[in-house]
């Protein structure tokens, strides 16, 4: 059985979420700035999420998913 370090799992999940957010945002034709404005976040926050640099709370994940029109689980799937 392989041992998985929690930091590598969270980094991988952060990158997956970031990719999924970017894919969905661009498919909707929404800029980072506009998405951030709709969520009440700063544009740099959205950029850092998309680059996989942010460890989101479940609440933030839910807010992003709702604004992007998907279920939260859809942002976690590779």
PDB file of N, CA and C in Angstrom:
ATOM      1  N   UNK A   1       0.842  -1.171   0.000  1.00  0.00           N
ATOM      2  CA  UNK A   1       0.000   0.000   0.000  1.00  0.00           C
ATOM      3  C   UNK A   1       0.890   1.239   0.000  1.00  0.00           C
ATOM      4  N   UNK A   2       0.603   2.163  -0.907  1.00  0.00           N
ATOM      5  CA  UNK A   2       1.399   3.383  -1.017  1.00  0.00           C
ATOM      6  C   UNK A   2       0.993   4.384   0.059  1.00  0.00           C
ATOM      7  N   UNK A   3       1.970   5.065   0.588  1.00  0.00           N
ATOM      8  CA  UNK A   3       1.718   6.113   1.562  1.00  0.00           C
ATOM      9  C   UNK A   3       1.590   7.429   0.810  1.00  0.00           C
ATOM     10  N   UNK A   4       0.520   8.137   1.082  1.00  0.00           N
ATOM     11  CA  UNK A   4       0.288   9.419   0.420  1.00  0.00           C
ATOM     12  C   UNK A   4       0.460  10.517   1.453  1.00  0.00           C
ATOM     13  N   UNK A   5       1.328  11.453   1.166  1.00  0.00           N
ATOM     14  CA  UNK A   5       1.541  12.570   2.065  1.00  0.00           C
ATOM     15  C   UNK A   5       0.441  13.593   1.854  1.00  0.00           C
ATOM     16  N   UNK A   6      -0.096  14.113   2.941  1.00  0.00           N
ATOM     17  CA  UNK A   6      -1.226  15.037   2.844  1.00  0.00           C
ATOM     18  C   UNK A   6      -0.901  16.284   2.043  1.00  0.00           C
ATOM     19  N   UNK A   7       0.333  16.789   2.108  1.00  0.00           N
ATOM     20  CA  UNK A   7       0.666  18.000   1.357  1.00  0.00           C
ATOM     21  C   UNK A   7       0.617  17.755  -0.148  1.00  0.00           C
ATOM     22  N   UNK A   8       1.014  16.559  -0.596  1.00  0.00           N
ATOM     23  CA  UNK A   8       0.957  16.279  -2.028  1.00  0.00           C
ATOM     24  C   UNK A   8      -0.476  16.097  -2.487  1.00  0.00           C
ATOM     25  N   UNK A   9      -1.329  15.547  -1.633  1.00  0.00           N
ATOM     26  CA  UNK A   9      -2.735  15.388  -1.984  1.00  0.00           C
ATOM     27  C   UNK A   9      -3.393  16.754  -2.099  1.00  0.00           C
ATOM     28  N   UNK A  10      -3.155  17.626  -1.117  1.00  0.00           N
ATOM     29  CA  UNK A  10      -3.792  18.933  -1.175  1.00  0.00           C
ATOM     30  C   UNK A  10      -3.283  19.734  -2.368  1.00  0.00           C
ATOM     31  N   UNK A  11      -2.005  19.648  -2.678  1.00  0.00           N
ATOM     32  CA  UNK A  11      -1.481  20.358  -3.834  1.00  0.00           C
ATOM     33  C   UNK A  11      -2.124  19.849  -5.118  1.00  0.00           C
ATOM     34  N   UNK A  12      -2.259  18.540  -5.223  1.00  0.00           N
ATOM     35  CA  UNK A  12      -2.884  17.955  -6.410  1.00  0.00           C
ATOM     36  C   UNK A  12      -4.340  18.406  -6.521  1.00  0.00           C
ATOM     37  N   UNK A  13      -5.064  18.369  -5.410  1.00  0.00           N
ATOM     38  CA  UNK A  13      -6.459  18.806  -5.423  1.00  0.00           C
ATOM     39  C   UNK A  13      -6.569  20.290  -5.743  1.00  0.00           C
ATOM     40  N   UNK A  14      -5.677  21.084  -5.201  1.00  0.00           N
ATOM     41  CA  UNK A  14      -5.688  22.519  -5.483  1.00  0.00           C
ATOM     42  C   UNK A  14      -5.485  22.766  -6.975  1.00  0.00           C
ATOM     43  N   UNK A  15      -4.582  22.007  -7.583  1.00  0.00           N
ATOM     44  CA  UNK A  15      -4.335  22.155  -9.017  1.00  0.00           C
ATOM     45  C   UNK A  15      -5.538  21.706  -9.837  1.00  0.00           C
ATOM     46  N   UNK A  16      -6.173  20.620  -9.430  1.00  0.00           N
ATOM     47  CA  UNK A  16      -7.371  20.129 -10.125  1.00  0.00           C
ATOM     48  C   UNK A  16      -8.474  21.170 -10.047  1.00  0.00           C
ATOM     49  N   UNK A  17      -8.731  21.671  -8.845  1.00  0.00           N
ATOM     50  CA  UNK A  17      -9.772  22.680  -8.664  1.00  0.00           C
ATOM     51  C   UNK A  17      -9.450  23.909  -9.511  1.00  0.00           C
ATOM     52  N   UNK A  18      -8.210  24.329  -9.478  1.00  0.00           N
ATOM     53  CA  UNK A  18      -7.812  25.495 -10.265  1.00  0.00           C
ATOM     54  C   UNK A  18      -8.062  25.318 -11.746  1.00  0.00           C
ATOM     55  N   UNK A  19      -7.688  24.153 -12.274  1.00  0.00           N
ATOM     56  CA  UNK A  19      -7.927  23.870 -13.696  1.00  0.00           C
ATOM     57  C   UNK A  19      -9.415  23.878 -14.017  1.00  0.00           C
ATOM     58  N   UNK A  20     -10.186  23.231 -13.147  1.00  0.00           N
ATOM     59  CA  UNK A  20     -11.638  23.136 -13.385  1.00  0.00           C
ATOM     60  C   UNK A  20     -12.299  24.510 -13.317  1.00  0.00           C
ATOM     61  N   UNK A  21     -11.871  25.346 -12.358  1.00  0.00           N
ATOM     62  CA  UNK A  21     -12.423  26.701 -12.259  1.00  0.00           C
ATOM     63  C   UNK A  21     -12.096  27.482 -13.528  1.00  0.00           C
ATOM     64  N   UNK A  22     -10.844  27.424 -13.969  1.00  0.00           N
ATOM     65  CA  UNK A  22     -10.434  28.151 -15.178  1.00  0.00           C
ATOM     66  C   UNK A  22     -11.209  27.647 -16.399  1.00  0.00           C
ATOM     67  N   UNK A  23     -11.323  26.322 -16.538  1.00  0.00           N
ATOM     68  CA  UNK A  23     -12.052  25.759 -17.683  1.00  0.00           C
ATOM     69  C   UNK A  23     -13.492  26.252 -17.720  1.00  0.00           C
ATOM     70  N   UNK A  24     -14.149  26.190 -16.575  1.00  0.00           N
ATOM     71  CA  UNK A  24     -15.564  26.582 -16.505  1.00  0.00           C
ATOM     72  C   UNK A  24     -15.722  28.086 -16.710  1.00  0.00           C
ATOM     73  N   UNK A  25     -14.842  28.858 -16.087  1.00  0.00           N
ATOM     74  CA  UNK A  25     -14.912  30.313 -16.215  1.00  0.00           C
ATOM     75  C   UNK A  25     -14.737  30.742 -17.670  1.00  0.00           C
ATOM     76  N   UNK A  26     -13.740  30.174 -18.338  1.00  0.00           N
ATOM     77  CA  UNK A  26     -13.501  30.553 -19.737  1.00  0.00           C
ATOM     78  C   UNK A  26     -14.622  30.044 -20.648  1.00  0.00           C
ATOM     79  N   UNK A  27     -15.175  28.871 -20.336  1.00  0.00           N
ATOM     80  CA  UNK A  27     -16.307  28.362 -21.127  1.00  0.00           C
ATOM     81  C   UNK A  27     -17.509  29.289 -21.023  1.00  0.00           C
ATOM     82  N   UNK A  28     -17.652  29.939 -19.885  1.00  0.00           N
ATOM     83  CA  UNK A  28     -18.753  30.888 -19.683  1.00  0.00           C
ATOM     84  C   UNK A  28     -18.430  32.268 -20.258  1.00  0.00           C
ATOM     85  N   UNK A  29     -17.173  32.459 -20.673  1.00  0.00           N
ATOM     86  CA  UNK A  29     -16.773  33.752 -21.221  1.00  0.00           C
ATOM     87  C   UNK A  29     -16.667  34.849 -20.172  1.00  0.00           C
ATOM     88  N   UNK A  30     -16.306  34.458 -18.954  1.00  0.00           N
ATOM     89  CA  UNK A  30     -16.207  35.401 -17.840  1.00  0.00           C
ATOM     90  C   UNK A  30     -14.736  35.630 -17.509  1.00  0.00           C
ATOM     91  N   UNK A  31     -14.362  36.873 -17.320  1.00  0.00           N
ATOM     92  CA  UNK A  31     -12.981  37.191 -16.948  1.00  0.00           C
ATOM     93  C   UNK A  31     -12.749  36.889 -15.462  1.00  0.00           C
ATOM     94  N   UNK A  32     -11.484  36.768 -15.092  1.00  0.00           N
ATOM     95  CA  UNK A  32     -11.152  36.597 -13.674  1.00  0.00           C
ATOM     96  C   UNK A  32     -11.689  37.773 -12.869  1.00  0.00           C
ATOM     97  N   UNK A  33     -11.546  38.948 -13.416  1.00  0.00           N
ATOM     98  CA  UNK A  33     -11.997  40.152 -12.721  1.00  0.00           C
ATOM     99  C   UNK A  33     -13.508  40.126 -12.486  1.00  0.00           C
ATOM    100  N   UNK A  34     -14.267  39.736 -13.512  1.00  0.00           N
ATOM    101  CA  UNK A  34     -15.727  39.689 -13.391  1.00  0.00           C
ATOM    102  C   UNK A  34     -16.159  38.618 -12.386  1.00  0.00           C
ATOM    103  N   UNK A  35     -15.534  37.430 -12.447  1.00  0.00           N
ATOM    104  CA  UNK A  35     -15.871  36.374 -11.498  1.00  0.00           C
ATOM    105  C   UNK A  35     -15.565  36.830 -10.080  1.00  0.00           C
ATOM    106  N   UNK A  36     -14.416  37.446  -9.886  1.00  0.00           N
ATOM    107  CA  UNK A  36     -14.038  37.937  -8.560  1.00  0.00           C
ATOM    108  C   UNK A  36     -15.054  38.966  -8.065  1.00  0.00           C
ATOM    109  N   UNK A  37     -15.453  39.856  -8.947  1.00  0.00           N
ATOM    110  CA  UNK A  37     -16.439  40.878  -8.586  1.00  0.00           C
ATOM    111  C   UNK A  37     -17.754  40.243  -8.154  1.00  0.00           C
ATOM    112  N   UNK A  38     -18.211  39.233  -8.896  1.00  0.00           N
ATOM    113  CA  UNK A  38     -19.468  38.554  -8.584  1.00  0.00           C
ATOM    114  C   UNK A  38     -19.411  37.846  -7.232  1.00  0.00           C
ATOM    115  N   UNK A  39     -18.216  37.381  -6.865  1.00  0.00           N
ATOM    116  CA  UNK A  39     -18.039  36.649  -5.608  1.00  0.00           C
ATOM    117  C   UNK A  39     -17.664  37.544  -4.434  1.00  0.00           C
ATOM    118  N   UNK A  40     -17.320  38.791  -4.735  1.00  0.00           N
ATOM    119  CA  UNK A  40     -16.860  39.686  -3.682  1.00  0.00           C
ATOM    120  C   UNK A  40     -15.410  39.443  -3.303  1.00  0.00           C
ATOM    121  N   UNK A  41     -14.636  38.874  -4.233  1.00  0.00           N
ATOM    122  CA  UNK A  41     -13.216  38.591  -4.030  1.00  0.00           C
ATOM    123  C   UNK A  41     -12.385  39.551  -4.865  1.00  0.00           C
ATOM    124  N   UNK A  42     -11.100  39.572  -4.602  1.00  0.00           N
ATOM    125  CA  UNK A  42     -10.173  40.342  -5.421  1.00  0.00           C
ATOM    126  C   UNK A  42      -9.744  39.471  -6.604  1.00  0.00           C
ATOM    127  N   UNK A  43      -9.454  40.102  -7.742  1.00  0.00           N
ATOM    128  CA  UNK A  43      -9.059  39.363  -8.939  1.00  0.00           C
ATOM    129  C   UNK A  43      -7.832  38.489  -8.700  1.00  0.00           C
ATOM    130  N   UNK A  44      -6.907  38.960  -7.897  1.00  0.00           N
ATOM    131  CA  UNK A  44      -5.700  38.168  -7.644  1.00  0.00           C
ATOM    132  C   UNK A  44      -6.017  36.881  -6.895  1.00  0.00           C
ATOM    133  N   UNK A  45      -7.089  36.890  -6.105  1.00  0.00           N
ATOM    134  CA  UNK A  45      -7.510  35.675  -5.391  1.00  0.00           C
ATOM    135  C   UNK A  45      -7.955  34.621  -6.399  1.00  0.00           C
ATOM    136  N   UNK A  46      -8.772  35.021  -7.352  1.00  0.00           N
ATOM    137  CA  UNK A  46      -9.247  34.075  -8.374  1.00  0.00           C
ATOM    138  C   UNK A  46      -8.065  33.533  -9.169  1.00  0.00           C
ATOM    139  N   UNK A  47      -7.130  34.389  -9.512  1.00  0.00           N
ATOM    140  CA  UNK A  47      -5.935  33.945 -10.232  1.00  0.00           C
ATOM    141  C   UNK A  47      -5.143  32.930  -9.440  1.00  0.00           C
ATOM    142  N   UNK A  48      -5.003  33.156  -8.141  1.00  0.00           N
ATOM    143  CA  UNK A  48      -4.242  32.209  -7.316  1.00  0.00           C
ATOM    144  C   UNK A  48      -4.981  30.890  -7.140  1.00  0.00           C
ATOM    145  N   UNK A  49      -6.311  30.929  -7.145  1.00  0.00           N
ATOM    146  CA  UNK A  49      -7.100  29.685  -7.113  1.00  0.00           C
ATOM    147  C   UNK A  49      -6.832  28.905  -8.394  1.00  0.00           C
ATOM    148  N   UNK A  50      -6.894  29.584  -9.524  1.00  0.00           N
ATOM    149  CA  UNK A  50      -6.709  28.920 -10.818  1.00  0.00           C
ATOM    150  C   UNK A  50      -5.294  28.362 -10.992  1.00  0.00           C
ATOM    151  N   UNK A  51      -4.328  28.965 -10.341  1.00  0.00           N
ATOM    152  CA  UNK A  51      -2.951  28.451 -10.409  1.00  0.00           C
ATOM    153  C   UNK A  51      -2.701  27.353  -9.381  1.00  0.00           C
ATOM    154  N   UNK A  52      -3.708  27.014  -8.584  1.00  0.00           N
ATOM    155  CA  UNK A  52      -3.565  25.961  -7.581  1.00  0.00           C
ATOM    156  C   UNK A  52      -2.774  26.393  -6.359  1.00  0.00           C
ATOM    157  N   UNK A  53      -2.730  27.683  -6.108  1.00  0.00           N
ATOM    158  CA  UNK A  53      -1.974  28.212  -4.980  1.00  0.00           C
ATOM    159  C   UNK A  53      -2.801  28.382  -3.715  1.00  0.00           C
ATOM    160  N   UNK A  54      -4.108  28.267  -3.822  1.00  0.00           N
ATOM    161  CA  UNK A  54      -5.006  28.475  -2.680  1.00  0.00           C
ATOM    162  C   UNK A  54      -5.582  27.167  -2.181  1.00  0.00           C
ATOM    163  N   UNK A  55      -5.591  27.023  -0.875  1.00  0.00           N
ATOM    164  CA  UNK A  55      -6.248  25.896  -0.227  1.00  0.00           C
ATOM    165  C   UNK A  55      -7.629  26.390   0.186  1.00  0.00           C
ATOM    166  N   UNK A  56      -8.623  26.134  -0.644  1.00  0.00           N
ATOM    167  CA  UNK A  56      -9.961  26.671  -0.436  1.00  0.00           C
ATOM    168  C   UNK A  56     -10.679  26.023   0.737  1.00  0.00           C
ATOM    169  N   UNK A  57     -11.520  26.809   1.385  1.00  0.00           N
ATOM    170  CA  UNK A  57     -12.436  26.242   2.371  1.00  0.00           C
ATOM    171  C   UNK A  57     -13.594  25.606   1.605  1.00  0.00           C
ATOM    172  N   UNK A  58     -14.339  24.760   2.261  1.00  0.00           N
ATOM    173  CA  UNK A  58     -15.514  24.167   1.614  1.00  0.00           C
ATOM    174  C   UNK A  58     -16.520  25.244   1.242  1.00  0.00           C
ATOM    175  N   UNK A  59     -16.642  26.253   2.076  1.00  0.00           N
ATOM    176  CA  UNK A  59     -17.557  27.349   1.792  1.00  0.00           C
ATOM    177  C   UNK A  59     -17.147  28.083   0.518  1.00  0.00           C
ATOM    178  N   UNK A  60     -15.860  28.349   0.352  1.00  0.00           N
ATOM    179  CA  UNK A  60     -15.372  29.019  -0.859  1.00  0.00           C
ATOM    180  C   UNK A  60     -15.586  28.149  -2.084  1.00  0.00           C
ATOM    181  N   UNK A  61     -15.350  26.845  -1.933  1.00  0.00           N
ATOM    182  CA  UNK A  61     -15.572  25.916  -3.030  1.00  0.00           C
ATOM    183  C   UNK A  61     -17.038  25.928  -3.449  1.00  0.00           C
ATOM    184  N   UNK A  62     -17.935  25.940  -2.471  1.00  0.00           N
ATOM    185  CA  UNK A  62     -19.369  25.994  -2.759  1.00  0.00           C
ATOM    186  C   UNK A  62     -19.745  27.286  -3.481  1.00  0.00           C
ATOM    187  N   UNK A  63     -19.202  28.411  -3.029  1.00  0.00           N
ATOM    188  CA  UNK A  63     -19.495  29.700  -3.662  1.00  0.00           C
ATOM    189  C   UNK A  63     -19.015  29.728  -5.114  1.00  0.00           C
ATOM    190  N   UNK A  64     -17.810  29.254  -5.333  1.00  0.00           N
ATOM    191  CA  UNK A  64     -17.280  29.204  -6.702  1.00  0.00           C
ATOM    192  C   UNK A  64     -18.143  28.319  -7.584  1.00  0.00           C
ATOM    193  N   UNK A  65     -18.469  27.138  -7.090  1.00  0.00           N
ATOM    194  CA  UNK A  65     -19.281  26.205  -7.873  1.00  0.00           C
ATOM    195  C   UNK A  65     -20.634  26.806  -8.215  1.00  0.00           C
ATOM    196  N   UNK A  66     -21.259  27.421  -7.239  1.00  0.00           N
ATOM    197  CA  UNK A  66     -22.572  28.030  -7.482  1.00  0.00           C
ATOM    198  C   UNK A  66     -22.484  29.109  -8.552  1.00  0.00           C
ATOM    199  N   UNK A  67     -21.499  29.973  -8.440  1.00  0.00           N
ATOM    200  CA  UNK A  67     -21.340  31.062  -9.407  1.00  0.00           C
ATOM    201  C   UNK A  67     -21.018  30.527 -10.800  1.00  0.00           C
ATOM    202  N   UNK A  68     -20.294  29.390 -10.865  1.00  0.00           N
ATOM    203  CA  UNK A  68     -19.924  28.792 -12.152  1.00  0.00           C
ATOM    204  C   UNK A  68     -20.998  27.851 -12.697  1.00  0.00           C
ATOM    205  N   UNK A  69     -22.054  27.626 -11.911  1.00  0.00           N
ATOM    206  CA  UNK A  69     -23.173  26.808 -12.371  1.00  0.00           C
ATOM    207  C   UNK A  69     -22.903  25.319 -12.382  1.00  0.00           C
ATOM    208  N   UNK A  70     -22.062  24.861 -11.443  1.00  0.00           N
ATOM    209  CA  UNK A  70     -21.752  23.431 -11.330  1.00  0.00           C
ATOM    210  C   UNK A  70     -21.890  22.997  -9.876  1.00  0.00           C
ATOM    211  N   UNK A  71     -21.890  21.693  -9.658  1.00  0.00           N
ATOM    212  CA  UNK A  71     -21.884  21.164  -8.311  1.00  0.00           C
ATOM    213  C   UNK A  71     -20.445  21.224  -7.773  1.00  0.00           C
ATOM    214  N   UNK A  72     -20.275  21.425  -6.477  1.00  0.00           N
ATOM    215  CA  UNK A  72     -18.919  21.471  -5.904  1.00  0.00           C
ATOM    216  C   UNK A  72     -18.061  20.252  -6.274  1.00  0.00           C
ATOM    217  N   UNK A  73     -18.655  19.068  -6.317  1.00  0.00           N
ATOM    218  CA  UNK A  73     -17.905  17.850  -6.634  1.00  0.00           C
ATOM    219  C   UNK A  73     -17.317  17.944  -8.048  1.00  0.00           C
ATOM    220  N   UNK A  74     -17.977  18.668  -8.947  1.00  0.00           N
ATOM    221  CA  UNK A  74     -17.467  18.804 -10.311  1.00  0.00           C
ATOM    222  C   UNK A  74     -16.150  19.555 -10.364  1.00  0.00           C
ATOM    223  N   UNK A  75     -15.891  20.406  -9.384  1.00  0.00           N
ATOM    224  CA  UNK A  75     -14.628  21.133  -9.336  1.00  0.00           C
ATOM    225  C   UNK A  75     -13.503  20.286  -8.752  1.00  0.00           C
ATOM    226  N   UNK A  76     -13.841  19.157  -8.142  1.00  0.00           N
ATOM    227  CA  UNK A  76     -12.849  18.284  -7.537  1.00  0.00           C
ATOM    228  C   UNK A  76     -12.440  17.121  -8.434  1.00  0.00           C
ATOM    229  N   UNK A  77     -13.207  16.901  -9.487  1.00  0.00           N
ATOM    230  CA  UNK A  77     -12.914  15.769 -10.394  1.00  0.00           C
ATOM    231  C   UNK A  77     -11.862  16.152 -11.408  1.00  0.00           C
ATOM    232  N   UNK A  78     -10.884  15.267 -11.550  1.00  0.00           N
ATOM    233  CA  UNK A  78      -9.802  15.520 -12.524  1.00  0.00           C
ATOM    234  C   UNK A  78     -10.331  15.433 -13.949  1.00  0.00           C
TER     235      UNK A  78
END
